[in-house]
Amino acid sequence: MSKILTYGCKPVYETDVDAGLGNVLGSYLIFNIHLKLKDIRSLFDKFLSFLSVSSLFIAIIAFLLPYFSFLLYEVQISFKLLIASFLVIFAIYNINKLTDIEEDSVNVPERAGFIEKNKRLVTWATVASFIVALSLSFLKNPLSILIILFPFCMGIVYSIKISNFRLKDITGVKNIVVALSWAVLGAFIPLAVSFRDYLPIILIFYLFFMKCFINTVVFDVRDIEGDKLSGVRTIPVFFGRHNSKNLLLGLNSTLLVWLAFSYFMDFFRQYLVVLIFCVFYGYWYILYFCKDKLKIGTSVDLLVDGEWIIIAMLAAAVTLF
């Protein structure tokens, strides 16, 4: 060990210099890794935001929800109908966003800005999606067009204003309309391939209706301030956040009875674990997103609607193994 200089009365050795340089280099590398991870996270957040504001995320859910329904019915999967479902929901939600720019400018300004900036492109994409959805449905089964048209027609009735009146302006009606549209799409699309007994149809329809009704109210909790300013009397505006939370917890609890009845009747036993997850995940996001003074952004899209991504993946895994 050779002494290379003296600092005051204390000698400094080469190993001390090497150690110092090593610490500096290590800190530099950690700092750069931190910046890279921060950039990756920023890009990921932007990607998720784009999926949400462009309606692509909700369209993916429209593909996966009936996919899960195909598995519950044990019907051969029709990808033509799943793509048709994807496209029609993409069209419906873009119509809603085009008509709700004023409310969204308060509730979800990023989404309103995206739609305003790309209004022409969104309009043409909506029209094209609707045409292709009808074409794919007709090619598989002409009667399936009625199923595809149902949520589209309900979306039109829900979104269009006639003499300053919209269905969405009536407390609770919007939630019923949206949940009904999703339940019809999810529960009935597989029946265009192969019909089933009425009892499993009713059970699957109830599951989808209740889950989607709860989800729409959770989204209304996010939009509560903008809806108050716009004079829209949603369930959270009318009943308040706390009472709305209790209502949703009660509705979600009916799915425990649904689970017990389905198990007793020997339905869907292969996917019992998936269905249990579905119910208890609902409890979690109701309690989380109905907290007082919680600032909710696009995370509600990912965590609430995104449950169908997890459910579809779990169900696919159960099917394979």
C-alpha atoms as a PDB file:
ATOM      1  CA  MET A   1       0.000   0.000   0.000  1.00  0.00           C
ATOM      2  CA  SER A   2       1.743   3.180  -1.149  1.00  0.00           C
ATOM      3  CA  LYS A   3       1.141   6.635   0.230  1.00  0.00           C
ATOM      4  CA  ILE A   4       0.345   9.064  -2.601  1.00  0.00           C
ATOM      5  CA  LEU A   5      -0.214  12.316  -0.739  1.00  0.00           C
ATOM      6  CA  THR A   6      -0.683  13.806   2.671  1.00  0.00           C
ATOM      7  CA  TYR A   7      -3.842  15.650   3.686  1.00  0.00           C
ATOM      8  CA  GLY A   8      -2.828  17.733   6.711  1.00  0.00           C
ATOM      9  CA  CYS A   9      -1.119  15.239   9.006  1.00  0.00           C
ATOM     10  CA  LYS A  10      -3.079  12.276   7.642  1.00  0.00           C
ATOM     11  CA  PRO A  11      -1.681  10.188   4.752  1.00  0.00           C
ATOM     12  CA  VAL A  12      -3.998   9.211   1.903  1.00  0.00           C
ATOM     13  CA  TYR A  13      -3.440   5.881   0.153  1.00  0.00           C
ATOM     14  CA  GLU A  14      -4.368   4.583  -3.298  1.00  0.00           C
ATOM     15  CA  THR A  15      -6.947   2.197  -1.813  1.00  0.00           C
ATOM     16  CA  ASP A  16      -8.721   5.155  -0.195  1.00  0.00           C
ATOM     17  CA  VAL A  17      -8.904   6.916  -3.564  1.00  0.00           C
ATOM     18  CA  ASP A  18     -10.162   3.715  -5.256  1.00  0.00           C
ATOM     19  CA  ALA A  19     -12.844   3.287  -2.616  1.00  0.00           C
ATOM     20  CA  GLY A  20     -13.941   6.901  -3.022  1.00  0.00           C
ATOM     21  CA  LEU A  21     -14.136   6.551  -6.801  1.00  0.00           C
ATOM     22  CA  GLY A  22     -16.088   3.319  -6.359  1.00  0.00           C
ATOM     23  CA  ASN A  23     -18.622   5.030  -4.120  1.00  0.00           C
ATOM     24  CA  VAL A  24     -19.049   7.898  -6.584  1.00  0.00           C
ATOM     25  CA  LEU A  25     -19.442   5.467  -9.487  1.00  0.00           C
ATOM     26  CA  GLY A  26     -21.941   3.381  -7.534  1.00  0.00           C
ATOM     27  CA  SER A  27     -23.998   6.449  -6.647  1.00  0.00           C
ATOM     28  CA  TYR A  28     -23.919   7.587 -10.281  1.00  0.00           C
ATOM     29  CA  LEU A  29     -25.140   4.192 -11.504  1.00  0.00           C
ATOM     30  CA  ILE A  30     -27.939   4.077  -8.910  1.00  0.00           C
ATOM     31  CA  PHE A  31     -28.988   7.603  -9.872  1.00  0.00           C
ATOM     32  CA  ASN A  32     -29.099   6.674 -13.564  1.00  0.00           C
ATOM     33  CA  ILE A  33     -31.067   3.493 -12.870  1.00  0.00           C
ATOM     34  CA  HIS A  34     -33.519   5.542 -10.824  1.00  0.00           C
ATOM     35  CA  LEU A  35     -33.967   7.986 -13.702  1.00  0.00           C
ATOM     36  CA  LYS A  36     -34.442   5.147 -16.194  1.00  0.00           C
ATOM     37  CA  LEU A  37     -37.065   3.491 -13.984  1.00  0.00           C
ATOM     38  CA  LYS A  38     -38.788   6.841 -13.568  1.00  0.00           C
ATOM     39  CA  ASP A  39     -38.845   7.317 -17.362  1.00  0.00           C
ATOM     40  CA  ILE A  40     -40.205   3.784 -17.874  1.00  0.00           C
ATOM     41  CA  ARG A  41     -42.923   4.395 -15.302  1.00  0.00           C
ATOM     42  CA  SER A  42     -43.797   7.704 -16.944  1.00  0.00           C
ATOM     43  CA  LEU A  43     -44.085   6.018 -20.356  1.00  0.00           C
ATOM     44  CA  PHE A  44     -46.202   3.231 -18.841  1.00  0.00           C
ATOM     45  CA  ASP A  45     -48.517   5.781 -17.188  1.00  0.00           C
ATOM     46  CA  LYS A  46     -48.879   7.625 -20.495  1.00  0.00           C
ATOM     47  CA  PHE A  47     -49.632   4.361 -22.277  1.00  0.00           C
ATOM     48  CA  LEU A  48     -52.349   3.452 -19.748  1.00  0.00           C
ATOM     49  CA  SER A  49     -53.756   6.967 -19.965  1.00  0.00           C
ATOM     50  CA  PHE A  50     -53.912   6.704 -23.762  1.00  0.00           C
ATOM     51  CA  LEU A  51     -55.717   3.362 -23.535  1.00  0.00           C
ATOM     52  CA  SER A  52     -58.246   4.917 -21.171  1.00  0.00           C
ATOM     53  CA  VAL A  53     -58.960   8.202 -22.946  1.00  0.00           C
ATOM     54  CA  SER A  54     -59.104   6.551 -26.376  1.00  0.00           C
ATOM     55  CA  SER A  55     -61.648   3.902 -25.199  1.00  0.00           C
ATOM     56  CA  LEU A  56     -59.254   1.109 -26.159  1.00  0.00           C
ATOM     57  CA  PHE A  57     -59.002  -0.076 -22.563  1.00  0.00           C
ATOM     58  CA  ILE A  58     -62.768  -0.436 -22.106  1.00  0.00           C
ATOM     59  CA  ALA A  59     -62.943  -2.130 -25.519  1.00  0.00           C
ATOM     60  CA  ILE A  60     -60.412  -4.714 -24.316  1.00  0.00           C
ATOM     61  CA  ILE A  61     -62.722  -5.362 -21.364  1.00  0.00           C
ATOM     62  CA  ALA A  62     -65.572  -5.854 -23.847  1.00  0.00           C
ATOM     63  CA  PHE A  63     -63.492  -8.602 -25.447  1.00  0.00           C
ATOM     64  CA  LEU A  64     -62.588 -10.310 -22.172  1.00  0.00           C
ATOM     65  CA  LEU A  65     -65.945 -10.192 -20.375  1.00  0.00           C
ATOM     66  CA  PRO A  66     -67.811 -12.289 -22.997  1.00  0.00           C
ATOM     67  CA  TYR A  67     -64.681 -14.445 -23.256  1.00  0.00           C
ATOM     68  CA  PHE A  68     -65.190 -15.330 -19.591  1.00  0.00           C
ATOM     69  CA  SER A  69     -68.858 -15.915 -20.368  1.00  0.00           C
ATOM     70  CA  PHE A  70     -67.925 -18.417 -23.095  1.00  0.00           C
ATOM     71  CA  LEU A  71     -65.890 -20.310 -20.494  1.00  0.00           C
ATOM     72  CA  LEU A  72     -68.715 -20.298 -17.935  1.00  0.00           C
ATOM     73  CA  TYR A  73     -71.165 -21.634 -20.514  1.00  0.00           C
ATOM     74  CA  GLU A  74     -68.557 -24.133 -21.764  1.00  0.00           C
ATOM     75  CA  VAL A  75     -69.261 -22.982 -25.329  1.00  0.00           C
ATOM     76  CA  GLN A  76     -66.693 -22.962 -28.140  1.00  0.00           C
ATOM     77  CA  ILE A  77     -65.202 -19.472 -28.305  1.00  0.00           C
ATOM     78  CA  SER A  78     -66.055 -17.326 -31.335  1.00  0.00           C
ATOM     79  CA  PHE A  79     -63.338 -14.720 -31.889  1.00  0.00           C
ATOM     80  CA  LYS A  80     -65.479 -13.010 -34.538  1.00  0.00           C
ATOM     81  CA  LEU A  81     -68.078 -12.231 -31.889  1.00  0.00           C
ATOM     82  CA  LEU A  82     -65.436 -11.202 -29.347  1.00  0.00           C
ATOM     83  CA  ILE A  83     -63.923  -8.748 -31.842  1.00  0.00           C
ATOM     84  CA  ALA A  84     -67.421  -7.487 -32.671  1.00  0.00           C
ATOM     85  CA  SER A  85     -67.975  -6.895 -28.952  1.00  0.00           C
ATOM     86  CA  PHE A  86     -64.645  -5.044 -28.750  1.00  0.00           C
ATOM     87  CA  LEU A  87     -65.575  -2.769 -31.652  1.00  0.00           C
ATOM     88  CA  VAL A  88     -69.138  -1.970 -30.632  1.00  0.00           C
ATOM     89  CA  ILE A  89     -68.101  -0.967 -27.094  1.00  0.00           C
ATOM     90  CA  PHE A  90     -65.267   1.112 -28.563  1.00  0.00           C
ATOM     91  CA  ALA A  91     -67.872   2.919 -30.675  1.00  0.00           C
ATOM     92  CA  ILE A  92     -70.389   3.368 -27.840  1.00  0.00           C
ATOM     93  CA  TYR A  93     -67.894   4.809 -25.369  1.00  0.00           C
ATOM     94  CA  ASN A  94     -66.492   7.196 -27.944  1.00  0.00           C
ATOM     95  CA  ILE A  95     -70.001   8.453 -28.689  1.00  0.00           C
ATOM     96  CA  ASN A  96     -70.465   9.038 -24.973  1.00  0.00           C
ATOM     97  CA  LYS A  97     -67.150  10.898 -24.746  1.00  0.00           C
ATOM     98  CA  LEU A  98     -68.008  13.048 -27.748  1.00  0.00           C
ATOM     99  CA  THR A  99     -71.272  14.113 -26.100  1.00  0.00           C
ATOM    100  CA  ASP A 100     -69.786  14.539 -22.598  1.00  0.00           C
ATOM    101  CA  ILE A 101     -66.868  16.868 -23.319  1.00  0.00           C
ATOM    102  CA  GLU A 102     -68.324  19.581 -21.038  1.00  0.00           C
ATOM    103  CA  GLU A 103     -68.619  17.315 -17.968  1.00  0.00           C
ATOM    104  CA  ASP A 104     -65.294  15.619 -18.696  1.00  0.00           C
ATOM    105  CA  SER A 105     -63.513  18.976 -18.820  1.00  0.00           C
ATOM    106  CA  VAL A 106     -64.109  19.075 -15.030  1.00  0.00           C
ATOM    107  CA  ASN A 107     -64.029  15.379 -14.085  1.00  0.00           C
ATOM    108  CA  VAL A 108     -61.413  14.048 -16.517  1.00  0.00           C
ATOM    109  CA  PRO A 109     -59.759  17.040 -18.281  1.00  0.00           C
ATOM    110  CA  GLU A 110     -57.124  14.831 -19.917  1.00  0.00           C
ATOM    111  CA  ARG A 111     -59.818  12.777 -21.634  1.00  0.00           C
ATOM    112  CA  ALA A 112     -61.771  15.839 -22.705  1.00  0.00           C
ATOM    113  CA  GLY A 113     -58.611  17.364 -24.164  1.00  0.00           C
ATOM    114  CA  PHE A 114     -57.806  14.206 -26.111  1.00  0.00           C
ATOM    115  CA  ILE A 115     -61.320  13.974 -27.585  1.00  0.00           C
ATOM    116  CA  GLU A 116     -61.393  17.682 -28.456  1.00  0.00           C
ATOM    117  CA  LYS A 117     -58.017  17.476 -30.175  1.00  0.00           C
ATOM    118  CA  ASN A 118     -58.849  14.301 -32.116  1.00  0.00           C
ATOM    119  CA  LYS A 119     -62.594  14.762 -32.624  1.00  0.00           C
ATOM    120  CA  ARG A 120     -62.547  14.079 -36.368  1.00  0.00           C
ATOM    121  CA  LEU A 121     -60.413  10.937 -36.029  1.00  0.00           C
ATOM    122  CA  VAL A 122     -62.488   9.631 -33.121  1.00  0.00           C
ATOM    123  CA  THR A 123     -65.710  10.191 -35.079  1.00  0.00           C
ATOM    124  CA  TRP A 124     -64.502   8.255 -38.136  1.00  0.00           C
ATOM    125  CA  ALA A 125     -63.059   5.468 -35.968  1.00  0.00           C
ATOM    126  CA  THR A 126     -66.411   5.181 -34.203  1.00  0.00           C
ATOM    127  CA  VAL A 127     -68.350   4.849 -37.462  1.00  0.00           C
ATOM    128  CA  ALA A 128     -65.883   2.318 -38.904  1.00  0.00           C
ATOM    129  CA  SER A 129     -65.936   0.236 -35.699  1.00  0.00           C
ATOM    130  CA  PHE A 130     -69.698   0.036 -35.730  1.00  0.00           C
ATOM    131  CA  ILE A 131     -69.826  -1.109 -39.372  1.00  0.00           C
ATOM    132  CA  VAL A 132     -67.153  -3.786 -38.857  1.00  0.00           C
ATOM    133  CA  ALA A 133     -68.845  -5.000 -35.652  1.00  0.00           C
ATOM    134  CA  LEU A 134     -72.136  -5.529 -37.488  1.00  0.00           C
ATOM    135  CA  SER A 135     -70.371  -7.260 -40.386  1.00  0.00           C
ATOM    136  CA  LEU A 136     -68.540  -9.725 -38.127  1.00  0.00           C
ATOM    137  CA  SER A 137     -71.717 -10.478 -36.203  1.00  0.00           C
ATOM    138  CA  PHE A 138     -73.654 -11.151 -39.389  1.00  0.00           C
ATOM    139  CA  LEU A 139     -70.952 -13.495 -40.688  1.00  0.00           C
ATOM    140  CA  LYS A 140     -71.135 -15.593 -37.516  1.00  0.00           C
ATOM    141  CA  ASN A 141     -74.880 -15.539 -36.915  1.00  0.00           C
ATOM    142  CA  PRO A 142     -77.331 -12.930 -38.281  1.00  0.00           C
ATOM    143  CA  LEU A 143     -79.288 -13.070 -35.015  1.00  0.00           C
ATOM    144  CA  SER A 144     -76.196 -11.972 -33.083  1.00  0.00           C
ATOM    145  CA  ILE A 145     -76.611  -8.542 -34.686  1.00  0.00           C
ATOM    146  CA  LEU A 146     -79.512  -7.975 -32.290  1.00  0.00           C
ATOM    147  CA  ILE A 147     -77.190  -8.583 -29.337  1.00  0.00           C
ATOM    148  CA  ILE A 148     -74.527  -6.265 -30.751  1.00  0.00           C
ATOM    149  CA  LEU A 149     -77.112  -3.580 -31.575  1.00  0.00           C
ATOM    150  CA  PHE A 150     -78.644  -3.620 -28.093  1.00  0.00           C
ATOM    151  CA  PRO A 151     -75.814  -1.876 -26.207  1.00  0.00           C
ATOM    152  CA  PHE A 152     -75.267   0.439 -29.183  1.00  0.00           C
ATOM    153  CA  CYS A 153     -78.927   1.527 -29.196  1.00  0.00           C
ATOM    154  CA  MET A 154     -78.882   1.906 -25.423  1.00  0.00           C
ATOM    155  CA  GLY A 155     -75.688   3.937 -25.740  1.00  0.00           C
ATOM    156  CA  ILE A 156     -77.360   6.259 -28.236  1.00  0.00           C
ATOM    157  CA  VAL A 157     -80.428   6.694 -26.028  1.00  0.00           C
ATOM    158  CA  TYR A 158     -78.185   7.194 -22.994  1.00  0.00           C
ATOM    159  CA  SER A 159     -75.899   9.791 -24.596  1.00  0.00           C
ATOM    160  CA  ILE A 160     -78.060  11.847 -26.956  1.00  0.00           C
ATOM    161  CA  LYS A 161     -79.786  14.920 -25.536  1.00  0.00           C
ATOM    162  CA  ILE A 162     -83.381  15.546 -26.670  1.00  0.00           C
ATOM    163  CA  SER A 163     -84.895  18.872 -25.591  1.00  0.00           C
ATOM    164  CA  ASN A 164     -82.273  19.212 -22.842  1.00  0.00           C
ATOM    165  CA  PHE A 165     -83.102  15.738 -21.523  1.00  0.00           C
ATOM    166  CA  ARG A 166     -80.960  12.615 -21.325  1.00  0.00           C
ATOM    167  CA  LEU A 167     -81.530   9.320 -19.569  1.00  0.00           C
ATOM    168  CA  LYS A 168     -78.243   9.810 -17.770  1.00  0.00           C
ATOM    169  CA  ASP A 169     -79.754  12.858 -16.031  1.00  0.00           C
ATOM    170  CA  ILE A 170     -82.177  10.637 -14.066  1.00  0.00           C
ATOM    171  CA  THR A 171     -80.654   9.310 -10.847  1.00  0.00           C
ATOM    172  CA  GLY A 172     -79.775   5.639 -11.177  1.00  0.00           C
ATOM    173  CA  VAL A 173     -81.171   5.172 -14.699  1.00  0.00           C
ATOM    174  CA  LYS A 174     -77.769   5.674 -16.281  1.00  0.00           C
ATOM    175  CA  ASN A 175     -76.287   2.949 -14.090  1.00  0.00           C
ATOM    176  CA  ILE A 176     -79.092   0.532 -14.959  1.00  0.00           C
ATOM    177  CA  VAL A 177     -78.786   1.264 -18.694  1.00  0.00           C
ATOM    178  CA  VAL A 178     -75.005   0.775 -18.743  1.00  0.00           C
ATOM    179  CA  ALA A 179     -75.125  -2.377 -16.592  1.00  0.00           C
ATOM    180  CA  LEU A 180     -77.948  -3.797 -18.704  1.00  0.00           C
ATOM    181  CA  SER A 181     -75.970  -3.182 -21.903  1.00  0.00           C
ATOM    182  CA  TRP A 182     -72.900  -4.961 -20.555  1.00  0.00           C
ATOM    183  CA  ALA A 183     -74.949  -7.823 -19.096  1.00  0.00           C
ATOM    184  CA  VAL A 184     -76.759  -8.427 -22.404  1.00  0.00           C
ATOM    185  CA  LEU A 185     -73.490  -8.331 -24.322  1.00  0.00           C
ATOM    186  CA  GLY A 186     -71.657 -10.598 -21.900  1.00  0.00           C
ATOM    187  CA  ALA A 187     -74.390 -13.103 -21.129  1.00  0.00           C
ATOM    188  CA  PHE A 188     -75.980 -13.440 -24.581  1.00  0.00           C
ATOM    189  CA  ILE A 189     -73.092 -13.376 -27.082  1.00  0.00           C
ATOM    190  CA  PRO A 190     -72.116 -17.023 -26.418  1.00  0.00           C
ATOM    191  CA  LEU A 191     -75.750 -18.027 -26.981  1.00  0.00           C
ATOM    192  CA  ALA A 192     -75.382 -17.004 -30.629  1.00  0.00           C
ATOM    193  CA  VAL A 193     -73.017 -19.985 -30.903  1.00  0.00           C
ATOM    194  CA  SER A 194     -74.861 -22.487 -28.718  1.00  0.00           C
ATOM    195  CA  PHE A 195     -77.988 -21.993 -26.595  1.00  0.00           C
ATOM    196  CA  ARG A 196     -78.059 -23.122 -22.958  1.00  0.00           C
ATOM    197  CA  ASP A 197     -80.629 -23.791 -20.226  1.00  0.00           C
ATOM    198  CA  TYR A 198     -82.383 -20.766 -18.779  1.00  0.00           C
ATOM    199  CA  LEU A 199     -81.066 -21.041 -15.223  1.00  0.00           C
ATOM    200  CA  PRO A 200     -77.331 -20.652 -16.049  1.00  0.00           C
ATOM    201  CA  ILE A 201     -78.289 -17.824 -18.431  1.00  0.00           C
ATOM    202  CA  ILE A 202     -80.102 -16.016 -15.612  1.00  0.00           C
ATOM    203  CA  LEU A 203     -77.205 -16.588 -13.208  1.00  0.00           C
ATOM    204  CA  ILE A 204     -74.555 -15.315 -15.620  1.00  0.00           C
ATOM    205  CA  PHE A 205     -76.727 -12.345 -16.566  1.00  0.00           C
ATOM    206  CA  TYR A 206     -77.181 -11.423 -12.884  1.00  0.00           C
ATOM    207  CA  LEU A 207     -73.447 -11.686 -12.197  1.00  0.00           C
ATOM    208  CA  PHE A 208     -72.544  -9.370 -15.062  1.00  0.00           C
ATOM    209  CA  PHE A 209     -75.390  -6.933 -14.374  1.00  0.00           C
ATOM    210  CA  MET A 210     -74.559  -6.576 -10.685  1.00  0.00           C
ATOM    211  CA  LYS A 211     -70.805  -6.247 -11.204  1.00  0.00           C
ATOM    212  CA  CYS A 212     -71.244  -3.661 -13.950  1.00  0.00           C
ATOM    213  CA  PHE A 213     -73.859  -1.703 -11.978  1.00  0.00           C
ATOM    214  CA  ILE A 214     -71.475  -1.498  -9.025  1.00  0.00           C
ATOM    215  CA  ASN A 215     -68.631  -0.428 -11.304  1.00  0.00           C
ATOM    216  CA  THR A 216     -70.641   2.413 -12.855  1.00  0.00           C
ATOM    217  CA  VAL A 217     -71.491   3.794  -9.413  1.00  0.00           C
ATOM    218  CA  VAL A 218     -67.813   3.625  -8.396  1.00  0.00           C
ATOM    219  CA  PHE A 219     -67.002   5.700 -11.480  1.00  0.00           C
ATOM    220  CA  ASP A 220     -69.718   8.170 -10.441  1.00  0.00           C
ATOM    221  CA  VAL A 221     -67.939   8.519  -7.096  1.00  0.00           C
ATOM    222  CA  ARG A 222     -64.873   9.659  -9.044  1.00  0.00           C
ATOM    223  CA  ASP A 223     -66.972  12.156 -11.016  1.00  0.00           C
ATOM    224  CA  ILE A 224     -68.983  13.456  -8.064  1.00  0.00           C
ATOM    225  CA  GLU A 225     -67.564  17.004  -8.084  1.00  0.00           C
ATOM    226  CA  GLY A 226     -67.988  17.537 -11.833  1.00  0.00           C
ATOM    227  CA  ASP A 227     -71.489  16.051 -11.745  1.00  0.00           C
ATOM    228  CA  LYS A 228     -72.480  18.432  -8.949  1.00  0.00           C
ATOM    229  CA  LEU A 229     -71.259  21.403 -10.984  1.00  0.00           C
ATOM    230  CA  SER A 230     -73.079  20.139 -14.091  1.00  0.00           C
ATOM    231  CA  GLY A 231     -76.296  19.447 -12.180  1.00  0.00           C
ATOM    232  CA  VAL A 232     -76.176  15.699 -12.914  1.00  0.00           C
ATOM    233  CA  ARG A 233     -77.883  13.830 -10.050  1.00  0.00           C
ATOM    234  CA  THR A 234     -75.975  10.557  -9.938  1.00  0.00           C
ATOM    235  CA  ILE A 235     -76.340   8.077  -7.097  1.00  0.00           C
ATOM    236  CA  PRO A 236     -73.280   9.446  -5.195  1.00  0.00           C
ATOM    237  CA  VAL A 237     -74.511  13.034  -5.707  1.00  0.00           C
ATOM    238  CA  PHE A 238     -78.022  12.153  -4.502  1.00  0.00           C
ATOM    239  CA  PHE A 239     -77.180   9.814  -1.592  1.00  0.00           C
ATOM    240  CA  GLY A 240     -73.677  10.993  -0.724  1.00  0.00           C
ATOM    241  CA  ARG A 241     -70.430   9.072  -0.770  1.00  0.00           C
ATOM    242  CA  HIS A 242     -70.953   7.176   2.509  1.00  0.00           C
ATOM    243  CA  ASN A 243     -74.491   5.965   1.750  1.00  0.00           C
ATOM    244  CA  SER A 244     -73.452   5.022  -1.778  1.00  0.00           C
ATOM    245  CA  LYS A 245     -70.644   2.905  -0.337  1.00  0.00           C
ATOM    246  CA  ASN A 246     -73.104   1.062   1.929  1.00  0.00           C
ATOM    247  CA  LEU A 247     -75.446   0.500  -1.021  1.00  0.00           C
ATOM    248  CA  LEU A 248     -72.648  -0.983  -3.113  1.00  0.00           C
ATOM    249  CA  LEU A 249     -71.457  -3.225  -0.287  1.00  0.00           C
ATOM    250  CA  GLY A 250     -75.003  -4.535   0.095  1.00  0.00           C
ATOM    251  CA  LEU A 251     -75.351  -5.207  -3.635  1.00  0.00           C
ATOM    252  CA  ASN A 252     -71.970  -6.927  -3.756  1.00  0.00           C
ATOM    253  CA  SER A 253     -73.041  -9.121  -0.834  1.00  0.00           C
ATOM    254  CA  THR A 254     -75.896 -10.535  -2.938  1.00  0.00           C
ATOM    255  CA  LEU A 255     -73.172 -12.208  -4.994  1.00  0.00           C
ATOM    256  CA  LEU A 256     -72.260 -14.306  -1.947  1.00  0.00           C
ATOM    257  CA  VAL A 257     -75.774 -15.764  -2.132  1.00  0.00           C
ATOM    258  CA  TRP A 258     -75.270 -16.122  -5.891  1.00  0.00           C
ATOM    259  CA  LEU A 259     -72.064 -18.077  -5.281  1.00  0.00           C
ATOM    260  CA  ALA A 260     -73.685 -20.405  -2.755  1.00  0.00           C
ATOM    261  CA  PHE A 261     -76.684 -21.061  -5.011  1.00  0.00           C
ATOM    262  CA  SER A 262     -74.498 -21.692  -8.080  1.00  0.00           C
ATOM    263  CA  TYR A 263     -72.331 -24.116  -6.129  1.00  0.00           C
ATOM    264  CA  PHE A 264     -75.366 -25.929  -4.710  1.00  0.00           C
ATOM    265  CA  MET A 265     -76.831 -26.264  -8.232  1.00  0.00           C
ATOM    266  CA  ASP A 266     -73.483 -27.554  -9.524  1.00  0.00           C
ATOM    267  CA  PHE A 267     -72.879 -24.613 -11.886  1.00  0.00           C
ATOM    268  CA  PHE A 268     -69.484 -23.065 -12.687  1.00  0.00           C
ATOM    269  CA  ARG A 269     -67.619 -25.207 -10.132  1.00  0.00           C
ATOM    270  CA  GLN A 270     -64.539 -25.299 -12.339  1.00  0.00           C
ATOM    271  CA  TYR A 271     -64.254 -21.519 -11.937  1.00  0.00           C
ATOM    272  CA  LEU A 272     -65.265 -21.300  -8.271  1.00  0.00           C
ATOM    273  CA  VAL A 273     -61.929 -19.797  -7.177  1.00  0.00           C
ATOM    274  CA  VAL A 274     -62.144 -17.196  -9.955  1.00  0.00           C
ATOM    275  CA  LEU A 275     -65.691 -16.252  -8.947  1.00  0.00           C
ATOM    276  CA  ILE A 276     -64.733 -15.973  -5.268  1.00  0.00           C
ATOM    277  CA  PHE A 277     -61.910 -13.632  -6.276  1.00  0.00           C
ATOM    278  CA  CYS A 278     -64.399 -11.627  -8.373  1.00  0.00           C
ATOM    279  CA  VAL A 279     -66.706 -11.058  -5.393  1.00  0.00           C
ATOM    280  CA  PHE A 280     -64.052 -10.205  -2.810  1.00  0.00           C
ATOM    281  CA  TYR A 281     -62.123  -7.990  -5.213  1.00  0.00           C
ATOM    282  CA  GLY A 282     -65.382  -6.049  -5.531  1.00  0.00           C
ATOM    283  CA  TYR A 283     -65.424  -5.470  -1.770  1.00  0.00           C
ATOM    284  CA  TRP A 284     -61.871  -4.151  -1.931  1.00  0.00           C
ATOM    285  CA  TYR A 285     -62.368  -1.521  -4.617  1.00  0.00           C
ATOM    286  CA  ILE A 286     -65.704  -0.365  -3.186  1.00  0.00           C
ATOM    287  CA  LEU A 287     -64.047   0.316   0.171  1.00  0.00           C
ATOM    288  CA  TYR A 288     -60.968   1.865  -1.439  1.00  0.00           C
ATOM    289  CA  PHE A 289     -62.561   4.201  -3.980  1.00  0.00           C
ATOM    290  CA  CYS A 290     -65.379   5.341  -1.690  1.00  0.00           C
ATOM    291  CA  LYS A 291     -62.969   6.776   0.874  1.00  0.00           C
ATOM    292  CA  ASP A 292     -63.589  10.390   1.848  1.00  0.00           C
ATOM    293  CA  LYS A 293     -61.336  12.985   0.199  1.00  0.00           C
ATOM    294  CA  LEU A 294     -59.632  10.375  -1.970  1.00  0.00           C
ATOM    295  CA  LYS A 295     -58.389  11.894  -5.204  1.00  0.00           C
ATOM    296  CA  ILE A 296     -59.248   9.415  -7.956  1.00  0.00           C
ATOM    297  CA  GLY A 297     -57.663   9.577 -11.395  1.00  0.00           C
ATOM    298  CA  THR A 298     -57.299   7.068 -14.200  1.00  0.00           C
ATOM    299  CA  SER A 299     -56.391   4.415 -11.605  1.00  0.00           C
ATOM    300  CA  VAL A 300     -60.109   3.694 -11.258  1.00  0.00           C
ATOM    301  CA  ASP A 301     -60.192   2.508 -14.896  1.00  0.00           C
ATOM    302  CA  LEU A 302     -57.262   0.182 -14.345  1.00  0.00           C
ATOM    303  CA  LEU A 303     -58.348  -1.237 -10.984  1.00  0.00           C
ATOM    304  CA  VAL A 304     -62.134  -1.419 -11.444  1.00  0.00           C
ATOM    305  CA  ASP A 305     -62.733  -2.271 -15.110  1.00  0.00           C
ATOM    306  CA  GLY A 306     -59.337  -3.947 -15.157  1.00  0.00           C
ATOM    307  CA  GLU A 307     -60.643  -6.697 -12.862  1.00  0.00           C
ATOM    308  CA  TRP A 308     -61.957  -8.459 -15.970  1.00  0.00           C
ATOM    309  CA  ILE A 309     -58.401  -8.730 -17.263  1.00  0.00           C
ATOM    310  CA  ILE A 310     -57.390 -10.560 -14.084  1.00  0.00           C
ATOM    311  CA  ILE A 311     -60.554 -12.684 -14.113  1.00  0.00           C
ATOM    312  CA  ALA A 312     -60.078 -13.680 -17.761  1.00  0.00           C
ATOM    313  CA  MET A 313     -56.452 -14.593 -17.141  1.00  0.00           C
ATOM    314  CA  LEU A 314     -57.315 -16.661 -14.066  1.00  0.00           C
ATOM    315  CA  ALA A 315     -60.155 -18.398 -15.889  1.00  0.00           C
ATOM    316  CA  ALA A 316     -57.903 -19.169 -18.863  1.00  0.00           C
ATOM    317  CA  ALA A 317     -55.295 -20.618 -16.487  1.00  0.00           C
ATOM    318  CA  VAL A 318     -57.930 -22.786 -14.784  1.00  0.00           C
ATOM    319  CA  THR A 319     -59.106 -24.012 -18.189  1.00  0.00           C
ATOM    320  CA  LEU A 320     -55.582 -24.980 -19.214  1.00  0.00           C
ATOM    321  CA  PHE A 321     -54.581 -26.679 -15.974  1.00  0.00           C
END
